[in-house]
Protein backbone atom coordinates (compact mmCIF):
# COMPACT_ATOMS: atom_id res chain seq x y z
CA MET A 1 80.68 50.13 21.77
CA LYS A 2 80.54 48.43 25.16
CA GLY A 3 83.49 50.35 26.30
CA ILE A 4 81.92 53.66 25.15
CA LEU A 5 78.79 53.14 26.91
CA ILE A 6 80.52 52.16 30.14
CA THR A 7 82.75 55.15 30.04
CA GLY A 8 79.46 57.21 29.48
CA TYR A 9 77.97 55.75 32.53
CA VAL A 10 81.06 56.56 34.48
CA ILE A 11 80.98 60.28 33.37
CA ILE A 12 77.28 60.49 34.26
CA TYR A 13 77.74 58.94 37.64
CA ALA A 14 80.75 61.25 38.18
CA LEU A 15 78.66 64.40 37.52
CA ILE A 16 75.86 63.09 39.73
CA ALA A 17 78.29 62.56 42.44
CA LEU A 18 79.60 66.11 41.92
CA ILE A 19 76.25 67.64 42.07
CA LEU A 20 75.40 65.70 45.37
CA ALA A 21 78.73 66.74 46.85
CA LYS A 22 77.94 70.39 46.04
CA ASN A 23 74.48 70.31 47.41
CA THR A 24 75.73 68.59 50.54
CA SER A 25 78.27 71.43 50.95
CA ILE A 26 75.77 74.10 50.41
CA ILE A 27 73.31 72.36 53.13
CA THR A 28 76.18 72.02 55.47
CA ASN A 29 77.23 75.72 55.12
CA ILE A 30 73.62 76.76 55.88
CA ASP A 31 73.23 74.58 58.73
CA SER A 32 76.57 75.70 60.21
CA LEU A 33 75.33 79.33 59.84
CA LEU A 34 72.11 78.63 61.50
CA VAL A 35 73.81 76.82 64.34
CA ASN A 36 76.09 79.73 64.96
CA SER A 37 73.32 82.17 64.87
CA TYR A 38 70.86 80.50 67.32
CA SER A 39 71.77 79.30 70.74
CA GLU A 40 70.66 75.83 71.64
CA ASN A 41 69.66 76.95 75.06
CA GLU A 42 67.70 80.04 74.20
CA PRO A 43 64.32 80.60 72.29
CA GLY A 44 64.79 79.23 68.91
CA VAL A 45 63.80 79.07 65.38
CA SER A 46 62.08 76.85 62.87
CA VAL A 47 63.74 77.01 59.23
CA MET A 48 62.52 75.84 55.94
CA ILE A 49 64.57 76.22 52.72
CA VAL A 50 63.13 75.04 49.43
CA GLN A 51 64.60 75.50 45.91
CA ASN A 52 63.00 74.22 42.78
CA ASN A 53 60.39 72.31 44.71
CA LYS A 54 63.09 70.47 46.54
CA VAL A 55 63.28 70.78 50.27
CA LEU A 56 66.93 71.41 51.16
CA LEU A 57 66.57 72.11 54.89
CA LYS A 58 63.64 71.74 57.28
CA LYS A 59 65.04 71.87 60.88
CA ALA A 60 64.58 73.58 64.16
CA TYR A 61 67.12 75.20 66.51
CA GLY A 62 67.03 76.15 70.13
CA LEU A 63 64.05 75.84 72.52
CA ALA A 64 60.26 76.00 72.18
CA ASN A 65 59.73 76.25 75.95
CA LEU A 66 62.55 77.41 78.43
CA GLU A 67 60.82 76.24 81.44
CA SER A 68 60.28 72.63 80.28
CA ASN A 69 63.56 72.78 78.33
CA SER A 70 61.57 71.57 75.33
CA LYS A 71 63.41 71.58 71.93
CA MET A 72 62.06 73.29 69.06
CA GLN A 73 60.38 71.19 66.47
CA VAL A 74 59.80 71.88 62.90
CA ASN A 75 56.12 71.79 63.10
CA ASN A 76 55.80 74.20 65.97
CA VAL A 77 53.21 76.92 65.56
CA PHE A 78 54.13 80.51 65.91
CA ARG A 79 52.64 84.14 65.83
CA ILE A 80 54.14 85.35 62.38
CA SER A 81 53.41 88.94 63.16
CA SER A 82 53.55 91.09 59.93
CA VAL A 83 54.37 88.32 57.76
CA THR A 84 50.51 88.25 57.96
CA LYS A 85 50.12 91.13 55.71
CA PRO A 86 50.77 89.53 52.38
CA ILE A 87 48.29 86.92 53.39
CA THR A 88 45.73 89.60 54.17
CA ALA A 89 46.60 91.11 50.83
CA LEU A 90 45.44 87.76 49.24
CA GLY A 91 42.15 88.03 50.76
CA ILE A 92 41.72 91.64 49.28
CA PHE A 93 42.65 90.21 45.74
CA VAL A 94 40.01 87.61 46.08
CA LEU A 95 37.27 90.23 46.64
CA ALA A 96 38.75 92.27 43.82
CA ASP A 97 38.59 89.17 41.57
CA GLN A 98 35.01 88.74 42.59
CA GLU A 99 34.38 92.39 41.53
CA LYS A 100 33.24 93.14 45.04
CA ILE A 101 35.84 95.77 45.60
CA SER A 102 38.06 97.98 43.39
CA LEU A 103 41.66 98.73 44.30
CA SER A 104 41.14 102.23 43.05
CA ALA A 105 38.00 102.98 44.85
CA PRO A 106 37.96 105.25 48.04
CA ILE A 107 38.31 103.34 51.20
CA THR A 108 35.50 105.31 52.53
CA ASP A 109 33.19 103.55 50.09
CA TYR A 110 33.83 100.26 52.09
CA VAL A 111 34.48 101.54 55.72
CA PRO A 112 31.88 104.09 56.91
CA GLN A 113 33.60 104.24 60.31
CA LEU A 114 36.22 106.43 58.66
CA ASN A 115 36.17 110.19 58.54
CA LYS A 116 35.36 111.61 55.12
CA ARG A 117 38.79 113.47 55.28
CA TYR A 118 40.22 109.99 54.02
CA TYR A 119 38.18 109.92 50.79
CA ALA A 120 41.33 110.67 48.69
CA VAL A 121 42.89 107.16 50.09
CA GLN A 122 42.22 104.24 47.71
CA VAL A 123 42.54 100.60 48.69
CA LYS A 124 45.69 100.25 46.63
CA HIS A 125 47.50 103.06 49.01
CA LEU A 126 46.49 100.74 52.09
CA LEU A 127 48.11 97.76 50.30
CA SER A 128 51.29 99.68 49.49
CA HIS A 129 51.76 101.67 52.53
CA THR A 130 51.50 104.91 50.55
CA SER A 131 48.13 106.00 52.35
CA GLY A 132 49.58 108.91 54.16
CA MET A 133 47.39 107.98 57.18
CA PRO A 134 48.76 107.97 60.65
CA SER A 135 49.89 104.63 62.06
CA TYR A 136 47.75 104.23 65.14
CA VAL A 137 50.44 102.21 66.99
CA TYR A 138 52.54 105.16 67.40
CA THR A 139 49.87 107.48 68.84
CA ASP A 140 49.64 108.33 72.72
CA GLU A 141 45.87 107.27 72.51
CA TYR A 142 46.87 103.76 71.43
CA GLU A 143 49.59 103.35 74.21
CA GLU A 144 46.86 104.40 76.70
CA LEU A 145 44.45 101.69 75.20
CA TYR A 146 47.03 99.15 75.52
CA ILE A 147 48.01 99.61 79.04
CA LYS A 148 44.47 99.68 79.91
CA HIS A 149 43.70 96.31 78.31
CA CYS A 150 47.15 94.63 78.66
CA TYR A 151 46.00 92.29 81.42
CA GLN A 152 42.26 92.56 80.84
CA PHE A 153 39.91 89.81 81.82
CA MET A 154 39.55 87.13 79.15
CA ASN A 155 36.00 87.49 78.39
CA GLU A 156 35.78 91.08 77.79
CA GLU A 157 35.30 92.47 74.27
CA ILE A 158 37.01 95.28 72.67
CA SER A 159 35.64 96.84 69.61
CA GLY A 160 37.79 97.96 66.68
CA ASP A 161 35.76 101.28 66.82
CA SER A 162 38.40 102.20 69.44
CA ILE A 163 40.93 102.27 66.83
CA PHE A 164 38.74 104.10 64.27
CA SER A 165 38.36 106.81 66.98
CA ILE A 166 42.02 107.20 67.18
CA ILE A 167 42.72 107.25 63.50
CA ASN A 168 39.83 109.83 62.74
CA LYS A 169 41.46 112.40 65.00
CA TYR A 170 44.43 112.91 62.55
CA ASP A 171 44.78 114.52 59.11
CA LEU A 172 46.81 112.79 56.32
CA GLU A 173 50.51 113.13 56.89
CA PHE A 174 50.97 113.35 53.04
CA GLU A 175 49.14 112.94 49.83
CA PRO A 176 48.09 109.38 49.11
CA GLY A 177 50.59 107.69 46.77
CA GLU A 178 53.34 110.35 47.37
CA ARG A 179 55.75 108.16 49.15
CA PHE A 180 56.13 104.85 51.12
CA ALA A 181 55.50 105.06 54.89
CA TYR A 182 54.98 101.68 56.74
CA CYS A 183 51.56 102.02 58.35
CA ASN A 184 49.55 99.38 60.34
CA SER A 185 46.59 101.44 60.12
CA GLY A 186 46.37 100.32 56.63
CA TYR A 187 46.16 96.70 57.10
CA PHE A 188 43.85 97.18 60.11
CA ILE A 189 41.39 99.00 57.72
CA LEU A 190 41.96 96.36 54.87
CA LYS A 191 40.47 93.79 57.54
CA LYS A 192 37.78 95.93 58.04
CA ILE A 193 36.84 96.00 54.22
CA ILE A 194 37.03 92.27 54.07
CA GLU A 195 34.47 92.07 56.87
CA ASN A 196 32.40 94.88 55.65
CA VAL A 197 32.19 93.72 52.16
CA SER A 198 31.88 89.91 52.62
CA GLY A 199 29.50 90.17 55.63
CA LYS A 200 31.69 87.75 57.39
CA LYS A 201 34.20 87.84 60.21
CA PHE A 202 37.58 88.45 59.11
CA GLU A 203 38.85 84.97 60.43
CA ASP A 204 35.91 83.07 58.78
CA PHE A 205 36.41 84.81 55.38
CA MET A 206 40.24 84.21 55.26
CA ARG A 207 39.79 80.53 56.61
CA GLU A 208 37.34 79.81 53.79
CA ASN A 209 38.93 81.80 50.94
CA VAL A 210 42.83 81.58 51.65
CA LEU A 211 43.91 79.32 54.32
CA LYS A 212 41.90 76.34 53.63
CA PRO A 213 42.30 76.49 49.68
CA LEU A 214 45.88 76.86 50.02
CA ASN A 215 45.92 73.91 52.51
CA MET A 216 47.61 75.88 55.30
CA LYS A 217 46.20 73.36 57.80
CA SER A 218 48.06 74.46 60.76
CA SER A 219 47.31 78.28 60.52
CA ARG A 220 44.80 80.07 62.56
CA PHE A 221 44.32 83.41 64.26
CA PHE A 222 45.83 84.60 67.53
CA SER A 223 43.95 83.68 70.78
CA PRO A 224 45.52 84.05 74.23
CA THR A 225 43.35 81.36 75.58
CA GLU A 226 42.66 78.80 73.00
CA ILE A 227 44.57 75.40 73.41
CA ILE A 228 46.72 75.13 70.11
CA PRO A 229 48.54 71.94 69.46
CA ASP A 230 52.36 72.64 69.01
CA ARG A 231 52.10 76.22 69.96
CA VAL A 232 55.50 77.56 71.11
CA THR A 233 55.82 79.95 74.17
CA GLY A 234 56.95 83.56 73.24
CA TYR A 235 59.71 85.41 74.78
CA THR A 236 61.14 88.92 75.15
CA CYS A 237 63.93 90.57 76.84
CA TYR A 238 63.47 92.85 80.01
CA ASP A 239 66.27 94.50 81.73
CA GLY A 240 68.79 92.22 80.10
CA GLU A 241 66.92 88.98 81.02
CA ILE A 242 64.79 86.69 78.77
CA VAL A 243 61.32 86.56 80.10
CA ASN A 244 57.94 85.21 79.07
CA ASP A 245 56.10 87.72 76.91
CA PRO A 246 52.54 88.13 78.32
CA PRO A 247 49.98 87.71 75.56
CA THR A 248 47.35 90.39 75.48
CA PHE A 249 43.53 90.00 74.40
CA LEU A 250 43.90 93.53 72.89
CA SER A 251 46.36 92.21 70.22
CA GLY A 252 44.27 89.20 69.27
CA VAL A 253 41.11 91.48 68.84
CA LEU A 254 42.59 94.47 67.07
CA THR A 255 45.49 93.43 64.97
CA LYS A 256 44.47 90.35 63.15
CA GLY A 257 44.80 91.98 59.52
CA GLN A 258 48.31 93.21 60.13
CA GLY A 259 49.99 90.61 62.36
CA GLU A 260 48.02 88.00 64.15
CA ILE A 261 48.16 84.84 61.97
CA LEU A 262 49.56 81.89 63.73
CA SER A 263 51.42 79.51 61.25
CA THR A 264 54.20 77.04 60.56
CA THR A 265 57.14 77.16 58.09
CA GLU A 266 55.37 74.25 56.20
CA ASP A 267 52.20 76.36 55.85
CA LEU A 268 54.20 79.43 54.74
CA TYR A 269 55.50 77.20 52.02
CA SER A 270 51.91 76.11 51.01
CA PHE A 271 51.26 79.83 50.72
CA TYR A 272 54.35 80.20 48.41
CA LEU A 273 53.23 77.37 46.24
CA GLY A 274 49.74 78.98 46.05
CA ILE A 275 51.01 82.38 44.87
CA THR A 276 53.58 80.83 42.48
CA GLN A 277 52.07 77.48 41.17
CA ASN A 278 48.27 77.57 41.76
CA ASP A 279 46.46 78.77 38.55
CA TYR A 280 43.98 80.76 40.44
CA PHE A 281 45.96 82.37 43.33
CA ARG A 282 49.04 83.05 40.95
CA LYS A 283 46.75 84.78 38.57
CA ILE A 284 45.23 87.12 41.12
CA SER A 285 48.32 87.76 43.15
CA PHE A 286 51.82 87.18 41.72
CA ASP A 287 52.30 90.24 39.61
CA ARG A 288 50.92 92.36 42.37
CA TYR A 289 53.33 90.79 44.96
CA ILE A 290 56.49 91.38 42.61
CA THR A 291 55.75 94.72 41.13
CA PRO A 292 57.06 97.69 43.17
CA TYR A 293 54.17 100.23 43.47
CA THR A 294 54.46 103.14 41.33
CA LEU A 295 54.45 106.44 43.38
CA ASN A 296 52.97 109.88 42.16
CA ASP A 297 56.20 110.98 40.66
CA SER A 298 56.51 107.89 38.67
CA SER A 299 59.25 106.44 40.79
CA GLU A 300 59.20 102.95 42.39
CA SER A 301 58.43 102.41 45.81
CA VAL A 302 60.21 99.80 47.95
CA TYR A 303 57.03 97.93 48.57
CA SER A 304 54.40 96.28 46.46
CA TYR A 305 50.87 95.19 47.38
CA GLY A 306 51.95 93.19 50.23
CA PHE A 307 55.65 92.60 49.94
CA PHE A 308 58.89 94.62 50.23
CA THR A 309 60.52 94.38 46.73
CA GLY A 310 64.16 94.56 45.82
CA ASN A 311 67.32 92.55 44.81
CA LEU A 312 69.96 90.47 46.22
CA LYS A 313 73.16 90.74 44.29
CA GLY A 314 71.25 91.40 41.26
CA HIS A 315 68.63 88.69 41.72
CA GLU A 316 64.94 89.88 42.11
CA ILE A 317 63.53 89.27 45.75
CA ILE A 318 60.42 89.99 47.68
CA ASN A 319 60.26 89.50 51.30
CA HIS A 320 58.49 90.41 54.60
CA ASN A 321 59.43 90.48 58.39
CA GLY A 322 57.51 90.20 61.27
CA ASP A 323 58.12 91.34 64.92
CA GLY A 324 55.88 91.56 67.99
CA SER A 325 54.97 90.56 71.31
CA GLY A 326 57.23 87.47 71.82
CA PHE A 327 57.62 86.42 68.21
CA SER A 328 59.56 87.34 65.00
CA SER A 329 59.73 85.96 61.53
CA SER A 330 61.07 86.35 58.10
CA LEU A 331 60.02 85.14 54.74
CA ILE A 332 62.02 85.74 51.58
CA ILE A 333 61.26 84.53 48.01
CA LEU A 334 63.54 84.87 45.01
CA PRO A 335 60.92 84.35 42.17
CA ASP A 336 63.38 83.55 39.23
CA GLU A 337 65.38 81.17 41.22
CA ASN A 338 62.28 79.33 42.91
CA ILE A 339 63.78 79.87 46.27
CA PHE A 340 61.67 80.06 49.31
CA ILE A 341 63.17 80.80 52.90
CA ALA A 342 61.14 81.13 55.96
CA ILE A 343 62.34 81.57 59.66
CA LEU A 344 59.98 81.76 62.49
CA SER A 345 61.18 82.52 66.03
CA ASN A 346 59.65 82.50 69.50
CA LYS A 347 61.61 85.56 70.61
CA ASP A 348 60.88 89.11 69.43
CA MET A 349 63.56 91.56 68.08
CA TYR A 350 62.94 94.25 70.60
CA SER A 351 66.03 92.98 72.53
CA ARG A 352 68.11 92.65 69.49
CA GLU A 353 70.25 95.59 68.28
CA ALA A 354 69.83 94.60 64.65
CA SER A 355 66.18 94.82 64.02
CA GLN A 356 66.25 92.81 60.89
CA TYR A 357 68.18 89.89 62.39
CA HIS A 358 66.43 87.16 60.84
CA GLU A 359 66.21 88.77 57.59
CA ASN A 360 69.95 89.10 57.46
CA ILE A 361 70.31 85.24 58.13
CA ALA A 362 67.73 84.49 55.34
CA LYS A 363 69.53 86.72 52.89
CA LYS A 364 72.93 85.05 53.77
CA ILE A 365 71.27 81.72 53.03
CA ALA A 366 69.93 83.07 49.86
CA ALA A 367 73.42 84.42 48.74
CA ILE A 368 74.83 80.87 49.54
CA LEU A 369 72.22 79.32 47.16
CA ILE A 370 72.90 81.69 44.34
CA ASP A 371 76.51 81.53 44.84
CA LYS A 372 77.02 85.18 45.88
CA THR A 373 79.01 86.69 48.61
CA PHE A 374 77.02 88.38 51.27
CA PRO A 375 78.62 91.23 53.26
CA VAL A 376 80.01 90.38 56.74
CA PHE A 377 79.13 92.97 59.36
CA LYS A 378 80.97 93.72 62.64
CA GLU A 379 80.39 95.71 65.67
CA ASN A 380 82.22 98.98 66.43
CA ASP A 381 82.38 100.99 69.44
CA LEU A 382 81.44 104.50 68.64
CA ASN A 383 81.42 107.59 70.68
CA GLN A 384 78.44 110.09 70.72
CA ASN A 385 79.75 112.31 67.88
CA GLU A 386 80.71 109.28 65.60
CA MET A 387 77.25 107.80 66.22
CA LYS A 388 75.60 111.19 65.22
CA SER A 389 77.47 111.24 61.89
CA PHE A 390 75.57 108.10 60.78
CA VAL A 391 72.15 109.30 61.84
CA GLY A 392 69.86 109.40 58.66
CA THR A 393 67.97 107.44 56.07
CA TYR A 394 69.83 105.10 53.78
CA GLN A 395 68.78 102.80 50.62
CA SER A 396 70.94 99.84 50.33
CA GLU A 397 71.58 97.91 47.18
CA ASP A 398 68.69 95.59 47.50
CA ARG A 399 66.39 98.94 47.68
CA ALA A 400 65.74 98.47 51.33
CA ILE A 401 65.32 101.58 53.22
CA ARG A 402 67.30 101.64 56.64
CA GLU A 403 66.99 104.52 59.15
CA VAL A 404 69.78 105.03 61.61
CA MET A 405 68.83 106.88 64.90
CA ILE A 406 70.12 107.27 68.27
CA TYR A 407 67.47 106.10 70.99
CA ARG A 408 69.28 107.20 73.91
CA GLU A 409 72.41 109.32 74.74
CA ASN A 410 74.33 109.01 78.00
């Protein structure tokens, strides 16, 4: 009997050793991928990877500040750009749960600043990017406004009414619910709905009802002047050179709903825990996040109420990327596998040829964790005619929409 017990213990220890060796190999592979993807002498990233509530990797790569040669740290604070959107959506879900708004109500019920031509647009259309409204960031009027206030004196005040004056000039581009079209106007208006219905500033409502309850203790809203501990410097590329990205007061005032939360990878993990494990927040959000929006023709959109939806090698995935003004980010969740991956960077993607750069890295990491092969991409030199042959809109196997276009011809 004693010999049998000893043999049993040996087998158990051997299995544990194999599991630990496999986990070590996986983490080593992921770390090598990140080391090869981000230079130690350039703006960097903070990365956090968790599976089944176990932190597999929490590490920083590259520099937080090029002028002081300061290394990136895991607790550094970044602007997360459009990864703000699912967090804003959670604020809307709180109001809906309190029966202060209806997701099926016309947005003009809550935002009197809007032209009545938008009566057909419902709150759910804003959440799912199916409103048909123009995206104000692509208008000439916004370009003029941005240039005017790019370096404005810090104590001037800019009203969101200037954005409504732009939106109200335009008709709907398509019938609400007809198709997906990513639109920052929608999340700007959702911010206004939260303010108008709650009677509080957007920042205050979100802090009290979302950030604080979810223990997102390092998260706050963008300010170009506030002293924020552990905030990193943002960088962009200009004329082939990495340069400081100048913060603008305009961004801080107008774009809080769609892209101006400052956060850390750890705080984003707290958000993940909230929407997957907290009884209240999971109840009001989880199904809305993972369920693709149903379009008017009964087909599924690529977006839910706050996240892109799809699959990675047959595994359900929700994700969101952020890119803007010196910073970029990617958040990926595989709900069934309990996988969370966050990558936050202090360099925007405007200077990258691959606009979904962090997303590709995050999906490669996810593929390693689920033991799947992720496709390897390589660069090819193409002439003008060859490039033109690829112009078009594509849907990949993960249901992501990719648009190929030529920005400039020699």
